[in-house]
Protein backbone atom coordinates (compact mmCIF):
# COMPACT_ATOMS: atom_id res chain seq x y z
CA MET A 1 -235.17 24.25 -111.06
CA ALA A 2 -234.33 27.79 -110.00
CA LYS A 3 -231.59 29.54 -111.89
CA ASN A 4 -228.56 30.92 -110.05
CA LEU A 5 -226.39 33.90 -110.94
CA CYS A 6 -222.92 32.64 -111.81
CA THR A 7 -219.65 34.25 -112.87
CA VAL A 8 -217.76 32.79 -115.88
CA ILE A 9 -214.63 33.74 -117.78
CA THR A 10 -215.51 34.39 -121.45
CA GLY A 11 -212.26 35.94 -122.73
CA THR A 12 -208.53 36.25 -121.93
CA GLY A 13 -205.59 38.36 -123.07
CA SER A 14 -202.02 38.97 -122.14
CA TYR A 15 -198.98 41.15 -122.73
CA ILE A 16 -195.56 39.53 -122.39
CA PRO A 17 -192.57 41.79 -122.96
CA GLU A 18 -190.12 40.73 -125.64
CA ARG A 19 -186.99 41.47 -123.56
CA VAL A 20 -185.72 38.18 -122.20
CA ILE A 21 -183.53 38.16 -119.05
CA PRO A 22 -181.86 34.76 -118.53
CA ASN A 23 -180.50 33.75 -115.09
CA SER A 24 -176.95 34.21 -116.46
CA ASP A 25 -177.59 38.00 -116.51
CA PHE A 26 -177.26 38.00 -112.68
CA LEU A 27 -173.76 36.43 -112.67
CA SER A 28 -172.10 39.85 -112.40
CA ASN A 29 -174.42 41.27 -109.71
CA GLU A 30 -173.07 42.03 -106.18
CA PHE A 31 -175.53 40.58 -103.73
CA TYR A 32 -175.83 41.75 -100.12
CA ASN A 33 -177.79 40.60 -97.09
CA PRO A 34 -180.33 42.95 -95.49
CA ASN A 35 -177.64 43.91 -92.89
CA GLY A 36 -175.41 45.19 -95.65
CA GLU A 37 -172.99 42.22 -95.52
CA ARG A 38 -171.63 41.13 -98.85
CA ILE A 39 -172.71 37.60 -99.85
CA THR A 40 -169.51 35.67 -100.63
CA GLU A 41 -171.10 32.60 -102.18
CA PRO A 42 -170.35 32.54 -105.90
CA ASN A 43 -173.27 33.89 -107.92
CA SER A 44 -173.23 30.74 -110.07
CA LYS A 45 -174.09 28.66 -107.00
CA THR A 46 -176.70 31.13 -105.84
CA ILE A 47 -178.36 31.09 -109.26
CA GLU A 48 -178.24 27.28 -109.36
CA LYS A 49 -180.03 27.09 -106.03
CA PHE A 50 -182.56 29.69 -107.14
CA LYS A 51 -183.45 27.74 -110.26
CA GLU A 52 -183.72 24.50 -108.26
CA ILE A 53 -186.15 26.05 -105.78
CA THR A 54 -188.26 28.21 -108.18
CA GLY A 55 -187.85 26.50 -111.56
CA ILE A 56 -187.18 29.95 -113.10
CA SER A 57 -184.52 30.04 -115.83
CA GLU A 58 -185.54 33.42 -117.43
CA ARG A 59 -187.95 36.28 -117.01
CA ARG A 60 -189.28 39.13 -119.14
CA TYR A 61 -188.57 42.83 -118.58
CA VAL A 62 -190.63 45.61 -120.10
CA GLU A 63 -189.20 47.69 -122.92
CA GLU A 64 -188.04 51.27 -122.44
CA GLY A 65 -190.94 53.75 -122.67
CA VAL A 66 -193.57 51.11 -121.88
CA PHE A 67 -195.52 51.35 -118.62
CA THR A 68 -197.77 49.14 -116.56
CA SER A 69 -200.92 50.81 -117.90
CA ASP A 70 -199.70 50.17 -121.47
CA MET A 71 -199.33 46.45 -120.75
CA ALA A 72 -202.67 46.37 -118.99
CA TYR A 73 -204.35 48.03 -121.96
CA GLU A 74 -202.82 45.64 -124.50
CA ALA A 75 -203.93 42.63 -122.42
CA ALA A 76 -207.41 44.12 -122.07
CA ARG A 77 -207.74 44.88 -125.80
CA GLU A 78 -206.73 41.29 -126.65
CA CYS A 79 -209.18 39.99 -124.05
CA LEU A 80 -212.12 41.94 -125.46
CA ASN A 81 -211.30 40.77 -128.96
CA ASP A 82 -211.13 37.21 -127.69
CA ALA A 83 -214.55 37.51 -126.06
CA ASP A 84 -215.95 39.49 -129.00
CA VAL A 85 -217.42 42.07 -126.61
CA ASP A 86 -217.94 45.81 -127.13
CA PRO A 87 -215.96 47.66 -124.43
CA GLU A 88 -218.92 50.12 -124.06
CA GLY A 89 -220.87 47.30 -122.45
CA VAL A 90 -218.28 46.67 -119.69
CA ASP A 91 -219.56 47.54 -116.21
CA TYR A 92 -216.22 47.41 -114.38
CA VAL A 93 -212.57 47.84 -115.22
CA VAL A 94 -210.43 46.41 -112.38
CA VAL A 95 -206.61 46.63 -112.44
CA ALA A 96 -204.57 44.86 -109.85
CA HIS A 97 -201.02 46.17 -109.30
CA ASN A 98 -198.80 47.53 -106.60
CA PHE A 99 -196.73 50.41 -107.99
CA GLY A 100 -198.75 52.17 -110.70
CA ASP A 101 -196.79 53.37 -113.70
CA VAL A 102 -193.06 53.26 -112.93
CA ASN A 103 -190.48 54.98 -115.13
CA GLU A 104 -186.92 53.88 -115.82
CA LYS A 105 -185.69 55.81 -112.75
CA GLY A 106 -188.10 54.05 -110.42
CA ARG A 107 -190.50 57.02 -110.03
CA ILE A 108 -194.00 55.90 -109.36
CA SER A 109 -197.18 57.51 -110.73
CA LEU A 110 -200.58 56.55 -109.29
CA VAL A 111 -202.64 59.45 -110.69
CA PRO A 112 -204.76 58.93 -112.62
CA SER A 113 -205.52 55.39 -111.53
CA LEU A 114 -204.40 52.61 -113.90
CA SER A 115 -207.98 51.47 -114.33
CA MET A 116 -208.92 54.92 -115.51
CA LYS A 117 -205.98 54.95 -117.88
CA VAL A 118 -207.01 51.62 -119.33
CA LYS A 119 -210.59 52.88 -119.72
CA GLY A 120 -209.30 55.88 -121.57
CA LYS A 121 -206.93 53.90 -123.79
CA LEU A 122 -209.79 51.55 -124.70
CA GLY A 123 -211.85 54.60 -125.70
CA ILE A 124 -214.77 53.73 -123.44
CA LYS A 125 -217.25 56.62 -123.42
CA ASN A 126 -219.74 54.93 -121.07
CA ARG A 127 -219.77 57.11 -117.96
CA LYS A 128 -221.24 54.25 -115.89
CA THR A 129 -218.20 51.98 -116.46
CA GLU A 130 -216.65 51.98 -112.94
CA CYS A 131 -212.95 51.79 -112.42
CA TYR A 132 -211.11 50.18 -109.51
CA ASP A 133 -207.38 49.78 -108.69
CA ILE A 134 -206.48 46.95 -106.31
CA PRO A 135 -203.05 47.12 -104.64
CA PHE A 136 -203.16 43.56 -103.26
CA GLY A 137 -199.74 42.04 -103.76
CA CYS A 138 -199.21 38.91 -105.86
CA PRO A 139 -202.82 37.63 -105.64
CA GLY A 140 -204.25 40.98 -106.78
CA TRP A 141 -205.81 39.70 -109.97
CA LEU A 142 -207.44 36.85 -108.01
CA GLN A 143 -208.83 39.27 -105.44
CA GLY A 144 -210.28 41.35 -108.32
CA VAL A 145 -212.07 38.23 -109.59
CA VAL A 146 -213.40 37.54 -106.07
CA MET A 147 -214.66 41.09 -105.72
CA VAL A 148 -216.38 41.13 -109.16
CA ASP A 149 -217.97 37.74 -108.45
CA LYS A 150 -219.53 39.15 -105.29
CA PHE A 151 -220.90 42.16 -107.28
CA PHE A 152 -222.39 39.83 -109.95
CA ARG A 153 -224.01 37.54 -107.30
CA LYS A 154 -225.76 40.60 -105.92
CA GLY A 155 -227.05 41.53 -109.36
CA LEU A 156 -224.60 44.47 -109.75
CA GLY A 157 -223.34 44.40 -113.28
CA LYS A 158 -222.89 41.77 -116.01
CA LYS A 159 -219.48 42.32 -117.57
CA ALA A 160 -216.09 43.16 -116.02
CA LEU A 161 -212.48 43.43 -117.14
CA VAL A 162 -210.13 42.15 -114.45
CA ILE A 163 -206.49 42.80 -115.17
CA GLY A 164 -203.30 41.97 -113.34
CA ALA A 165 -200.25 44.02 -114.37
CA GLU A 166 -196.89 44.94 -112.91
CA THR A 167 -193.43 46.37 -113.68
CA LEU A 168 -191.32 44.91 -110.95
CA SER A 169 -188.03 45.24 -112.88
CA ARG A 170 -188.03 48.96 -112.16
CA VAL A 171 -188.49 48.67 -108.42
CA SER A 172 -186.20 45.68 -107.71
CA ASP A 173 -182.81 46.10 -106.01
CA PRO A 174 -179.95 44.64 -108.10
CA HIS A 175 -178.13 43.92 -104.81
CA ASP A 176 -181.00 41.83 -103.44
CA ARG A 177 -181.13 38.14 -104.42
CA ASP A 178 -184.92 38.29 -104.42
CA SER A 179 -184.66 40.51 -107.50
CA MET A 180 -184.22 37.31 -109.56
CA ILE A 181 -187.86 36.41 -108.80
CA TYR A 182 -189.38 39.54 -110.21
CA ALA A 183 -190.59 40.18 -113.83
CA ASP A 184 -193.01 42.30 -115.82
CA GLY A 185 -196.18 41.56 -117.78
CA ALA A 186 -200.00 41.74 -117.79
CA GLY A 187 -202.94 39.39 -118.04
CA ALA A 188 -206.64 40.15 -118.49
CA THR A 189 -209.92 38.25 -118.21
CA LEU A 190 -213.45 39.14 -119.13
CA LEU A 191 -215.89 38.05 -116.45
CA GLN A 192 -219.62 37.76 -117.28
CA ALA A 193 -222.60 37.07 -115.17
CA THR A 194 -224.90 34.26 -116.41
CA GLU A 195 -227.95 32.44 -115.15
CA SER A 196 -227.59 28.69 -114.81
CA GLU A 197 -229.57 25.89 -113.21
CA GLU A 198 -226.25 24.08 -112.51
CA PRO A 199 -223.31 25.74 -110.73
CA VAL A 200 -220.76 26.89 -113.41
CA GLY A 201 -217.78 29.22 -113.41
CA ILE A 202 -216.59 30.37 -110.06
CA LEU A 203 -218.06 27.93 -107.54
CA SER A 204 -216.74 29.45 -104.33
CA SER A 205 -213.96 31.65 -102.90
CA VAL A 206 -212.17 32.07 -99.58
CA VAL A 207 -209.71 34.85 -98.76
CA ASP A 208 -206.97 34.92 -96.12
CA CYS A 209 -205.39 38.33 -95.65
CA GLY A 210 -203.06 37.55 -92.81
CA ASP A 211 -203.02 39.34 -89.45
CA SER A 212 -201.06 41.87 -87.49
CA SER A 213 -197.92 39.66 -87.58
CA THR A 214 -197.71 39.72 -91.36
CA TYR A 215 -198.55 43.28 -92.37
CA ASP A 216 -194.85 44.17 -92.84
CA ILE A 217 -193.74 41.06 -94.69
CA MET A 218 -193.25 43.38 -97.70
CA TRP A 219 -192.08 46.98 -97.75
CA MET A 220 -190.20 49.62 -99.66
CA GLY A 221 -186.66 50.21 -98.53
CA GLU A 222 -183.13 51.33 -99.52
CA THR A 223 -180.78 49.15 -101.50
CA TYR A 224 -178.88 46.46 -99.65
CA GLY A 225 -175.78 47.62 -101.44
CA PRO A 226 -173.25 50.01 -99.86
CA GLU A 227 -174.10 53.02 -102.12
CA LYS A 228 -177.40 54.57 -100.93
CA ASP A 229 -179.00 56.88 -103.46
CA GLY A 230 -182.28 57.72 -101.66
CA ARG A 231 -184.25 55.50 -104.02
CA LEU A 232 -186.66 52.98 -102.49
CA TYR A 233 -186.90 49.39 -103.76
CA PHE A 234 -189.40 46.62 -103.25
CA LYS A 235 -188.39 44.37 -100.41
CA MET A 236 -189.86 41.03 -99.29
CA ARG A 237 -189.10 38.49 -96.60
CA GLY A 238 -189.10 35.66 -99.11
CA HIS A 239 -188.72 32.81 -96.67
CA GLU A 240 -191.54 34.15 -94.48
CA VAL A 241 -193.83 34.45 -97.49
CA PHE A 242 -193.03 30.87 -98.48
CA LYS A 243 -193.70 29.52 -94.98
CA TYR A 244 -196.93 31.45 -94.70
CA GLY A 245 -198.16 30.02 -98.03
CA VAL A 246 -197.25 26.44 -97.11
CA LYS A 247 -198.98 26.79 -93.78
CA HIS A 248 -202.20 28.60 -94.78
CA VAL A 249 -202.97 28.04 -98.49
CA PRO A 250 -203.97 24.33 -98.02
CA ARG A 251 -206.49 25.33 -95.37
CA VAL A 252 -207.95 28.07 -97.57
CA VAL A 253 -208.23 25.65 -100.49
CA LYS A 254 -209.98 23.08 -98.28
CA GLU A 255 -212.47 25.68 -97.01
CA SER A 256 -213.25 26.75 -100.59
CA LEU A 257 -213.79 23.14 -101.65
CA ASP A 258 -216.06 22.57 -98.67
CA ILE A 259 -218.23 25.54 -99.62
CA ALA A 260 -218.45 24.27 -103.21
CA GLY A 261 -219.35 20.79 -101.99
CA LEU A 262 -216.32 19.19 -103.62
CA LYS A 263 -213.89 16.65 -102.25
CA LEU A 264 -210.29 15.86 -103.07
CA LYS A 265 -209.32 12.49 -104.46
CA ILE A 266 -205.90 10.94 -104.22
CA PHE A 267 -204.89 9.05 -107.35
């Protein structure tokens, strides 16, 4: 039987900040609607609804002086140790994020790229280790996996670090209820190409990137609060994102299962 090139995960790592932010920390926030109108509903009720919908009771925020690239490096280092792989043999370092390194004042740095920073922090001297940053929203890590899998299936490389990392606490508007969703952290996986007679690892993938009606579902904008300071914060039409996911994700999952030749069973 002919052998196929497959992509498997052989190591994982993560960085979870120690600073815990419970829902109760938002009790004193002043929340506003996008039109600048103060939300009069008691915060306790807002938080209760939020937990009921999301299941979130706490989140982690990064420590002062720690940046997205630091978290990405720590996750990558742990991942390589878990896989027992020499970083010099890694063909690709891929970091999925949206805002680069963000300081405590919300200033964003994208140069050098986070993937290059991680390569440097890991001490990789291999000049052929390619670095890619993917600003792809929430599914950025997953898109990095999809991209690397396509590379491997074409015979382009054998080992890749794919990292998802973000510091959303420093770009969230304290006057926006959606800020309760956001948190900080990093996760890393080592992907390796392997030959197998039977399908293993990643069996298939399907990507849906939306259309012209969804390109502005997220944006950077001023605070919803009354005191504008010129600073831009991450904004999202949360309900629209939820409705889009409910409508389209099941179809994408079904397409991926069909390609893999798998069927769903109801128990």
